[in-house]
Amino acid sequence: MSESSEKKILPAFMMCFFVGFLGIHRFYVGKTGSGIAQILTLGGLGIWVLIDWIMIMCGSFKDSEGKPLTEWT
């Protein structure tokens, strides 16, 4: 089994839901480059944010080291 991230699902979920178009949830998990890209594209005009939000909810969202976020709090 792969090692899980130290980052938590709940903060990433809340950041993505409320300010996802700014990519704050991506900065939270260490994905700075894609966070900047989300700022510049306003979250891919909402589509990218929606996909991230679904991935976070399904447990398939990963941090910058490729470790999945597995714990809610």
C-alpha atoms as a PDB file:
ATOM      1  CA  MET A   1       0.000   0.000   0.000  1.00  0.00           C
ATOM      2  CA  SER A   2       1.269   3.452  -0.846  1.00  0.00           C
ATOM      3  CA  GLU A   3       2.080   5.993   1.795  1.00  0.00           C
ATOM      4  CA  SER A   4      -0.598   8.628   2.359  1.00  0.00           C
ATOM      5  CA  SER A   5      -0.114  12.388   2.433  1.00  0.00           C
ATOM      6  CA  GLU A   6       0.194  14.435   5.609  1.00  0.00           C
ATOM      7  CA  LYS A   7      -2.300  16.866   4.048  1.00  0.00           C
ATOM      8  CA  LYS A   8      -5.953  16.429   4.991  1.00  0.00           C
ATOM      9  CA  ILE A   9      -8.993  16.082   2.743  1.00  0.00           C
ATOM     10  CA  LEU A  10     -11.293  18.508   4.582  1.00  0.00           C
ATOM     11  CA  PRO A  11      -9.127  21.640   4.187  1.00  0.00           C
ATOM     12  CA  ALA A  12      -8.438  20.801   0.525  1.00  0.00           C
ATOM     13  CA  PHE A  13     -12.166  20.197  -0.053  1.00  0.00           C
ATOM     14  CA  MET A  14     -13.187  23.481   1.602  1.00  0.00           C
ATOM     15  CA  MET A  15     -10.543  25.498  -0.265  1.00  0.00           C
ATOM     16  CA  CYS A  16     -11.525  23.929  -3.587  1.00  0.00           C
ATOM     17  CA  PHE A  17     -15.239  24.490  -2.961  1.00  0.00           C
ATOM     18  CA  PHE A  18     -15.042  28.125  -1.859  1.00  0.00           C
ATOM     19  CA  VAL A  19     -11.989  29.556  -3.701  1.00  0.00           C
ATOM     20  CA  GLY A  20     -11.113  26.797  -6.155  1.00  0.00           C
ATOM     21  CA  PHE A  21     -10.834  29.218  -9.063  1.00  0.00           C
ATOM     22  CA  LEU A  22      -7.753  30.667  -7.299  1.00  0.00           C
ATOM     23  CA  GLY A  23      -6.102  27.237  -7.029  1.00  0.00           C
ATOM     24  CA  ILE A  24      -5.561  27.625  -3.275  1.00  0.00           C
ATOM     25  CA  HIS A  25      -6.171  23.906  -2.712  1.00  0.00           C
ATOM     26  CA  ARG A  26      -3.310  23.131  -5.108  1.00  0.00           C
ATOM     27  CA  PHE A  27      -0.940  25.425  -3.218  1.00  0.00           C
ATOM     28  CA  TYR A  28      -2.056  23.628  -0.018  1.00  0.00           C
ATOM     29  CA  VAL A  29      -0.896  20.239  -1.355  1.00  0.00           C
ATOM     30  CA  GLY A  30       2.334  21.672  -2.796  1.00  0.00           C
ATOM     31  CA  LYS A  31       1.385  21.865  -6.472  1.00  0.00           C
ATOM     32  CA  THR A  32       2.561  25.449  -6.977  1.00  0.00           C
ATOM     33  CA  GLY A  33       2.848  25.358 -10.771  1.00  0.00           C
ATOM     34  CA  SER A  34      -0.683  24.118 -11.372  1.00  0.00           C
ATOM     35  CA  GLY A  35      -1.930  26.489  -8.650  1.00  0.00           C
ATOM     36  CA  ILE A  36      -0.544  29.425 -10.625  1.00  0.00           C
ATOM     37  CA  ALA A  37      -2.098  28.005 -13.800  1.00  0.00           C
ATOM     38  CA  GLN A  38      -5.472  27.851 -12.058  1.00  0.00           C
ATOM     39  CA  ILE A  39      -5.164  31.481 -10.995  1.00  0.00           C
ATOM     40  CA  LEU A  40      -4.375  32.540 -14.568  1.00  0.00           C
ATOM     41  CA  THR A  41      -7.260  30.531 -16.070  1.00  0.00           C
ATOM     42  CA  LEU A  42      -9.731  31.083 -13.199  1.00  0.00           C
ATOM     43  CA  GLY A  43      -9.716  27.382 -12.463  1.00  0.00           C
ATOM     44  CA  GLY A  44      -9.921  26.418 -16.105  1.00  0.00           C
ATOM     45  CA  LEU A  45     -13.129  28.475 -16.268  1.00  0.00           C
ATOM     46  CA  GLY A  46     -14.540  26.265 -13.520  1.00  0.00           C
ATOM     47  CA  ILE A  47     -14.045  22.926 -15.249  1.00  0.00           C
ATOM     48  CA  TRP A  48     -10.645  22.217 -13.701  1.00  0.00           C
ATOM     49  CA  VAL A  49     -11.998  23.141 -10.260  1.00  0.00           C
ATOM     50  CA  LEU A  50     -14.972  20.808 -10.685  1.00  0.00           C
ATOM     51  CA  ILE A  51     -12.687  17.933 -11.667  1.00  0.00           C
ATOM     52  CA  ASP A  52     -10.403  18.614  -8.670  1.00  0.00           C
ATOM     53  CA  TRP A  53     -13.426  18.792  -6.356  1.00  0.00           C
ATOM     54  CA  ILE A  54     -14.681  15.404  -7.584  1.00  0.00           C
ATOM     55  CA  MET A  55     -11.201  13.890  -7.258  1.00  0.00           C
ATOM     56  CA  ILE A  56     -10.915  15.169  -3.682  1.00  0.00           C
ATOM     57  CA  MET A  57     -14.334  13.701  -2.821  1.00  0.00           C
ATOM     58  CA  CYS A  58     -13.462  10.333  -4.394  1.00  0.00           C
ATOM     59  CA  GLY A  59     -10.099  10.141  -2.616  1.00  0.00           C
ATOM     60  CA  SER A  60      -7.995  10.197  -5.770  1.00  0.00           C
ATOM     61  CA  PHE A  61      -6.475  13.684  -5.308  1.00  0.00           C
ATOM     62  CA  LYS A  62      -2.717  13.548  -4.630  1.00  0.00           C
ATOM     63  CA  ASP A  63      -0.143  15.917  -3.190  1.00  0.00           C
ATOM     64  CA  SER A  64       3.026  17.109  -4.934  1.00  0.00           C
ATOM     65  CA  GLU A  65       4.829  13.891  -3.975  1.00  0.00           C
ATOM     66  CA  GLY A  66       2.126  11.695  -5.503  1.00  0.00           C
ATOM     67  CA  LYS A  67       0.752  10.603  -2.133  1.00  0.00           C
ATOM     68  CA  PRO A  68      -3.056  10.412  -1.889  1.00  0.00           C
ATOM     69  CA  LEU A  69      -4.963  12.498   0.648  1.00  0.00           C
ATOM     70  CA  THR A  70      -6.667   9.830   2.774  1.00  0.00           C
ATOM     71  CA  GLU A  71      -7.597  11.432   6.107  1.00  0.00           C
ATOM     72  CA  TRP A  72     -10.423  13.964   6.505  1.00  0.00           C
ATOM     73  CA  THR A  73      -9.132  15.659   9.680  1.00  0.00           C
END
